[in-house]
Protein backbone atom coordinates (compact mmCIF):
# COMPACT_ATOMS: atom_id res chain seq x y z
CA UNK A 1 17.83 -0.15 20.45
CA UNK A 2 14.79 -2.30 20.83
CA UNK A 3 12.72 -0.26 22.61
CA UNK A 4 13.33 3.03 20.47
CA UNK A 5 12.79 -0.09 16.89
CA UNK A 6 9.22 -0.48 18.58
CA UNK A 7 8.37 2.95 20.13
CA UNK A 8 9.40 4.08 16.40
CA UNK A 9 7.41 1.57 14.41
CA UNK A 10 5.00 4.38 13.22
CA UNK A 11 7.88 5.89 11.33
CA UNK A 12 9.01 2.76 9.26
CA UNK A 13 7.46 3.12 5.85
CA UNK A 14 7.00 0.06 3.77
CA UNK A 15 5.65 -0.08 -0.01
CA UNK A 16 2.98 -1.50 -1.08
CA UNK A 17 2.25 -3.02 -4.90
CA UNK A 18 -1.23 -4.36 -5.53
CA UNK A 19 -1.90 -5.59 -8.98
CA UNK A 20 -5.49 -6.23 -9.62
CA UNK A 21 -8.33 -6.18 -12.77
CA UNK A 22 -10.39 -3.61 -10.17
CA UNK A 23 -9.75 -0.47 -11.81
CA UNK A 24 -11.10 1.37 -8.91
CA UNK A 25 -8.98 0.17 -6.34
CA UNK A 26 -7.27 3.51 -5.40
CA UNK A 27 -10.15 5.32 -5.07
CA UNK A 28 -11.24 2.78 -2.22
CA UNK A 29 -7.68 3.08 -1.07
CA UNK A 30 -7.21 6.82 -0.97
CA UNK A 31 -11.02 6.81 1.06
CA UNK A 32 -9.80 4.66 3.84
CA UNK A 33 -6.14 5.90 4.47
CA UNK A 34 -4.42 9.41 4.36
CA UNK A 35 -1.96 8.48 2.12
CA UNK A 36 -2.15 8.96 -2.17
CA UNK A 37 -1.15 6.08 -4.76
CA UNK A 38 0.43 5.66 -8.20
CA UNK A 39 -1.22 3.71 -10.48
CA UNK A 40 -0.10 2.06 -13.94
CA UNK A 41 -1.66 0.23 -16.19
CA UNK A 42 -0.22 -3.50 -17.38
CA UNK A 43 -0.87 -6.81 -18.67
CA UNK A 44 -0.67 -10.06 -16.98
CA UNK A 45 2.60 -12.22 -18.37
CA UNK A 46 0.36 -15.11 -18.03
CA UNK A 47 -3.53 -14.47 -18.30
CA UNK A 48 -2.81 -11.42 -20.85
CA UNK A 49 -5.39 -9.58 -19.30
CA UNK A 50 -5.33 -6.12 -18.47
CA UNK A 51 -4.30 -5.22 -14.81
CA UNK A 52 -4.08 -2.19 -12.67
CA UNK A 53 -0.97 -1.92 -10.50
CA UNK A 54 -0.74 0.00 -7.79
CA UNK A 55 1.62 2.02 -6.00
CA UNK A 56 1.32 2.38 -1.96
CA UNK A 57 3.63 4.19 0.60
CA UNK A 58 1.93 3.49 4.11
CA UNK A 59 3.73 2.85 7.82
CA UNK A 60 4.28 -0.42 9.16
CA UNK A 61 1.59 -0.43 10.99
CA UNK A 62 -0.79 0.30 8.52
CA UNK A 63 0.02 -2.80 6.03
CA UNK A 64 -2.61 -5.03 7.78
CA UNK A 65 -5.87 -2.66 7.39
CA UNK A 66 -4.28 -2.09 3.77
CA UNK A 67 -3.88 -5.91 2.59
CA UNK A 68 -7.69 -6.75 4.22
CA UNK A 69 -8.95 -4.39 2.31
CA UNK A 70 -7.42 -4.50 -0.87
CA UNK A 71 -8.56 -8.51 0.40
CA UNK A 72 -12.62 -7.06 0.29
CA UNK A 73 -12.19 -5.38 -2.97
CA UNK A 74 -10.61 -8.06 -5.21
CA UNK A 75 -9.81 -11.79 -2.77
CA UNK A 76 -7.41 -12.53 -6.16
CA UNK A 77 -5.50 -9.35 -5.95
CA UNK A 78 -1.58 -10.10 -5.78
CA UNK A 79 -0.08 -7.96 -3.27
CA UNK A 80 3.96 -7.37 -2.39
CA UNK A 81 4.94 -5.17 0.61
CA UNK A 82 8.67 -4.02 0.60
CA UNK A 83 10.44 -2.39 3.37
CA UNK A 84 11.77 1.67 2.67
CA UNK A 85 14.83 2.98 4.21
CA UNK A 86 12.95 6.32 2.82
CA UNK A 87 10.51 8.06 0.85
CA UNK A 88 10.68 11.41 -0.43
CA UNK A 89 8.04 13.75 -0.60
CA UNK A 90 4.57 14.38 1.06
CA UNK A 91 3.81 11.93 3.30
CA UNK A 92 0.99 11.89 6.27
CA UNK A 93 1.42 10.67 9.32
CA UNK A 94 -0.98 11.09 11.93
CA UNK A 95 0.16 12.84 15.16
CA UNK A 96 0.22 10.80 18.45
CA UNK A 97 -2.46 11.75 20.45
């Protein structure tokens, strides 16, 4: 089972939630990954400032690249990563070459 899990790591999906002050961070993410985002407006509970909340589903092997890109755009962004059991809808995975 460990070998199967290792080979299928591309099929494991995670949800990334990004809370940031940068309004166009979604455009940066879409330009660099073959996945879309959902963006919501929010207000910081402590700071009471406007925030952008971005949801994105990626393969588990893309997480580090997403976080690195977010840190380049906004080093103060708050990012959470949650494992998913299943995602329904259009989710693109690049074929193995």
